[in-house]
C-alpha atoms as a PDB file:
ATOM      1  CA  MET A   1     -82.551  61.006-164.291  1.00  0.00           C
ATOM      2  CA  PRO A   2     -85.537  59.938-162.141  1.00  0.00           C
ATOM      3  CA  THR A   3     -85.531  60.735-158.433  1.00  0.00           C
ATOM      4  CA  LEU A   4     -87.471  59.405-155.469  1.00  0.00           C
ATOM      5  CA  LEU A   5     -89.701  61.743-153.479  1.00  0.00           C
ATOM      6  CA  PHE A   6     -91.507  61.153-150.174  1.00  0.00           C
ATOM      7  CA  VAL A   7     -94.587  63.364-149.813  1.00  0.00           C
ATOM      8  CA  ASN A   8     -96.734  63.735-146.701  1.00  0.00           C
ATOM      9  CA  GLY A   9     -99.244  66.438-147.581  1.00  0.00           C
ATOM     10  CA  THR A  10    -101.290  67.849-150.415  1.00  0.00           C
ATOM     11  CA  LEU A  11     -99.283  65.980-153.075  1.00  0.00           C
ATOM     12  CA  MET A  12    -100.691  62.659-151.828  1.00  0.00           C
ATOM     13  CA  ARG A  13    -103.293  60.775-153.836  1.00  0.00           C
ATOM     14  CA  GLY A  14    -106.718  62.404-153.823  1.00  0.00           C
ATOM     15  CA  LEU A  15    -105.487  65.724-152.435  1.00  0.00           C
ATOM     16  CA  LYS A  16    -105.232  69.203-153.926  1.00  0.00           C
ATOM     17  CA  LEU A  17    -101.742  69.164-155.493  1.00  0.00           C
ATOM     18  CA  HIS A  18    -101.658  65.490-156.506  1.00  0.00           C
ATOM     19  CA  PRO A  19    -102.214  66.367-160.198  1.00  0.00           C
ATOM     20  CA  ASN A  20     -98.699  67.909-160.096  1.00  0.00           C
ATOM     21  CA  LEU A  21     -97.374  64.333-159.800  1.00  0.00           C
ATOM     22  CA  GLU A  22     -98.880  63.246-163.137  1.00  0.00           C
ATOM     23  CA  GLY A  23     -96.237  61.126-164.858  1.00  0.00           C
ATOM     24  CA  ALA A  24     -94.665  59.971-161.582  1.00  0.00           C
ATOM     25  CA  THR A  25     -94.723  56.338-160.468  1.00  0.00           C
ATOM     26  CA  PHE A  26     -96.447  55.603-157.138  1.00  0.00           C
ATOM     27  CA  LEU A  27     -94.221  53.235-155.153  1.00  0.00           C
ATOM     28  CA  GLY A  28     -96.503  52.850-152.134  1.00  0.00           C
ATOM     29  CA  ALA A  29     -97.586  54.228-148.795  1.00  0.00           C
ATOM     30  CA  PHE A  30     -94.739  54.566-146.296  1.00  0.00           C
ATOM     31  CA  ARG A  31     -94.052  56.071-142.885  1.00  0.00           C
ATOM     32  CA  THR A  32     -91.025  57.992-141.734  1.00  0.00           C
ATOM     33  CA  ALA A  33     -88.806  56.896-138.892  1.00  0.00           C
ATOM     34  CA  PRO A  34     -90.108  58.437-135.616  1.00  0.00           C
ATOM     35  CA  ARG A  35     -87.836  61.478-135.938  1.00  0.00           C
ATOM     36  CA  TYR A  36     -90.138  64.230-137.206  1.00  0.00           C
ATOM     37  CA  ARG A  37     -92.521  66.933-135.991  1.00  0.00           C
ATOM     38  CA  VAL A  38     -95.359  68.220-138.163  1.00  0.00           C
ATOM     39  CA  PHE A  39     -97.199  71.542-138.159  1.00  0.00           C
ATOM     40  CA  SER A  40    -100.258  72.723-140.070  1.00  0.00           C
ATOM     41  CA  ILE A  41     -99.105  75.692-142.115  1.00  0.00           C
ATOM     42  CA  GLY A  42    -102.211  77.873-142.154  1.00  0.00           C
ATOM     43  CA  ASP A  43    -104.386  74.763-142.608  1.00  0.00           C
ATOM     44  CA  VAL A  44    -103.177  74.744-146.223  1.00  0.00           C
ATOM     45  CA  HIS A  45    -100.411  72.107-146.048  1.00  0.00           C
ATOM     46  CA  PRO A  46     -98.238  70.333-143.495  1.00  0.00           C
ATOM     47  CA  GLY A  47     -94.723  71.398-142.615  1.00  0.00           C
ATOM     48  CA  MET A  48     -92.448  68.559-141.450  1.00  0.00           C
ATOM     49  CA  PHE A  49     -88.939  68.765-140.017  1.00  0.00           C
ATOM     50  CA  ARG A  50     -86.508  66.392-138.317  1.00  0.00           C
ATOM     51  CA  VAL A  51     -85.854  66.529-134.557  1.00  0.00           C
ATOM     52  CA  GLU A  52     -83.253  64.821-132.388  1.00  0.00           C
ATOM     53  CA  SER A  53     -85.808  63.696-129.789  1.00  0.00           C
ATOM     54  CA  GLY A  54     -89.575  63.660-129.313  1.00  0.00           C
ATOM     55  CA  GLY A  55     -90.310  62.875-132.935  1.00  0.00           C
ATOM     56  CA  VAL A  56     -93.166  60.891-134.450  1.00  0.00           C
ATOM     57  CA  SER A  57     -93.564  58.647-137.476  1.00  0.00           C
ATOM     58  CA  VAL A  58     -95.340  60.477-140.299  1.00  0.00           C
ATOM     59  CA  ALA A  59     -97.512  58.848-142.965  1.00  0.00           C
ATOM     60  CA  GLY A  60     -96.845  59.595-146.605  1.00  0.00           C
ATOM     61  CA  GLU A  61     -96.313  58.241-150.083  1.00  0.00           C
ATOM     62  CA  LEU A  62     -93.196  57.492-152.099  1.00  0.00           C
ATOM     63  CA  TYR A  63     -92.928  58.298-155.800  1.00  0.00           C
ATOM     64  CA  GLU A  64     -90.353  58.024-158.548  1.00  0.00           C
ATOM     65  CA  LEU A  65     -90.317  61.243-160.558  1.00  0.00           C
ATOM     66  CA  PRO A  66     -88.809  61.980-163.960  1.00  0.00           C
ATOM     67  CA  ASP A  67     -86.986  65.335-164.053  1.00  0.00           C
ATOM     68  CA  ASP A  68     -89.866  67.156-165.775  1.00  0.00           C
ATOM     69  CA  VAL A  69     -92.319  66.030-163.092  1.00  0.00           C
ATOM     70  CA  TRP A  70     -89.943  67.184-160.325  1.00  0.00           C
ATOM     71  CA  GLU A  71     -89.717  70.595-162.025  1.00  0.00           C
ATOM     72  CA  ARG A  72     -93.550  70.828-162.052  1.00  0.00           C
ATOM     73  CA  VAL A  73     -93.807  69.686-158.417  1.00  0.00           C
ATOM     74  CA  HIS A  74     -91.136  72.153-157.316  1.00  0.00           C
ATOM     75  CA  ALA A  75     -92.776  75.047-159.188  1.00  0.00           C
ATOM     76  CA  GLY A  76     -96.165  74.239-157.620  1.00  0.00           C
ATOM     77  CA  GLU A  77     -95.030  73.892-154.010  1.00  0.00           C
ATOM     78  CA  PRO A  78     -96.193  76.467-151.441  1.00  0.00           C
ATOM     79  CA  PRO A  79     -93.558  78.902-150.118  1.00  0.00           C
ATOM     80  CA  ASN A  80     -90.721  77.692-147.871  1.00  0.00           C
ATOM     81  CA  LEU A  81     -91.089  73.965-148.585  1.00  0.00           C
ATOM     82  CA  TYR A  82     -87.898  72.359-149.835  1.00  0.00           C
ATOM     83  CA  ARG A  83     -86.500  68.969-150.838  1.00  0.00           C
ATOM     84  CA  GLY A  84     -84.310  67.343-148.210  1.00  0.00           C
ATOM     85  CA  PRO A  85     -83.413  63.944-146.741  1.00  0.00           C
ATOM     86  CA  VAL A  86     -86.203  61.964-145.037  1.00  0.00           C
ATOM     87  CA  GLU A  87     -85.572  58.746-143.138  1.00  0.00           C
ATOM     88  CA  LEU A  88     -88.222  56.084-143.692  1.00  0.00           C
ATOM     89  CA  GLU A  89     -89.193  53.559-141.022  1.00  0.00           C
ATOM     90  CA  ASP A  90     -87.346  50.855-143.011  1.00  0.00           C
ATOM     91  CA  GLY A  91     -84.085  52.812-142.579  1.00  0.00           C
ATOM     92  CA  ARG A  92     -83.797  54.139-146.131  1.00  0.00           C
ATOM     93  CA  VAL A  93     -83.087  57.829-146.575  1.00  0.00           C
ATOM     94  CA  VAL A  94     -84.901  59.345-149.543  1.00  0.00           C
ATOM     95  CA  PRO A  95     -85.585  62.878-150.757  1.00  0.00           C
ATOM     96  CA  GLY A  96     -88.726  64.349-149.214  1.00  0.00           C
ATOM     97  CA  ILE A  97     -90.579  67.603-148.746  1.00  0.00           C
ATOM     98  CA  LEU A  98     -89.532  69.482-145.593  1.00  0.00           C
ATOM     99  CA  TYR A  99     -90.320  72.801-143.920  1.00  0.00           C
ATOM    100  CA  PRO A 100     -87.979  75.055-141.890  1.00  0.00           C
ATOM    101  CA  ARG A 101     -88.401  74.449-138.155  1.00  0.00           C
ATOM    102  CA  GLU A 102     -87.925  78.132-137.328  1.00  0.00           C
ATOM    103  CA  LEU A 103     -90.883  79.073-139.526  1.00  0.00           C
ATOM    104  CA  ALA A 104     -93.163  76.440-137.947  1.00  0.00           C
ATOM    105  CA  GLU A 105     -92.576  76.512-134.194  1.00  0.00           C
ATOM    106  CA  GLY A 106     -94.345  79.387-132.492  1.00  0.00           C
ATOM    107  CA  HIS A 107     -96.076  80.396-135.722  1.00  0.00           C
ATOM    108  CA  HIS A 108     -98.332  77.470-136.675  1.00  0.00           C
ATOM    109  CA  ARG A 109    -100.389  74.729-135.030  1.00  0.00           C
ATOM    110  CA  GLU A 110     -98.461  71.570-134.193  1.00  0.00           C
ATOM    111  CA  ILE A 111    -100.205  68.441-135.466  1.00  0.00           C
ATOM    112  CA  SER A 112     -97.535  65.823-134.742  1.00  0.00           C
ATOM    113  CA  GLU A 113     -99.924  63.804-132.573  1.00  0.00           C
ATOM    114  CA  TYR A 114    -101.948  62.964-135.701  1.00  0.00           C
ATOM    115  CA  GLY A 115     -98.922  61.628-137.606  1.00  0.00           C
ATOM    116  CA  ASP A 116    -100.876  61.920-140.847  1.00  0.00           C
ATOM    117  CA  TRP A 117    -102.095  64.980-142.780  1.00  0.00           C
ATOM    118  CA  ARG A 118    -105.282  63.195-143.859  1.00  0.00           C
ATOM    119  CA  VAL A 119    -106.155  62.225-140.264  1.00  0.00           C
ATOM    120  CA  TYR A 120    -105.505  65.789-139.082  1.00  0.00           C
ATOM    121  CA  TRP A 121    -107.535  67.250-141.955  1.00  0.00           C
ATOM    122  CA  ALA A 122    -110.539  64.993-141.202  1.00  0.00           C
ATOM    123  CA  ALA A 123    -110.380  65.964-137.515  1.00  0.00           C
ATOM    124  CA  ARG A 124    -110.080  69.649-138.436  1.00  0.00           C
ATOM    125  CA  GLN A 125    -113.105  69.472-140.747  1.00  0.00           C
ATOM    126  CA  ALA A 126    -115.139  67.797-137.971  1.00  0.00           C
ATOM    127  CA  GLU A 127    -113.994  70.510-135.545  1.00  0.00           C
ATOM    128  CA  LEU A 128    -115.018  73.256-137.960  1.00  0.00           C
ATOM    129  CA  ALA A 129    -118.407  71.616-138.603  1.00  0.00           C
ATOM    130  CA  GLY A 130    -119.039  71.702-134.863  1.00  0.00           C
ATOM    131  CA  GLU A 131    -118.385  75.461-134.731  1.00  0.00           C
ATOM    132  CA  ASP A 132    -121.562  76.349-136.660  1.00  0.00           C
END
């Protein structure tokens, strides 16, 4: 039975793990409700979790996945990411990719102010280019 999945990192179109979504149906670009914080997990992928206050809206994409595609996505996900409920800005709650708060805070760089993995990644690449 197909399932929805909100992604906000390397599974998005044009990024490293997007091929894992082959066979899924792209439903569009969406944003979460402003209830999340996001961290860069080793500059490899974002880690998003829900907060009661001080959250931001996070950009991402919504897909419909057949079971076999979900199995491939799940098998290819970096450690500690898991599927959990994500509230979209339109009020719908859909499955999404989340990261444990206790593994992010105090361990990784917070990037919530960017609200978008692609925007953070572009800024990070510009920052690194300036370090030469």
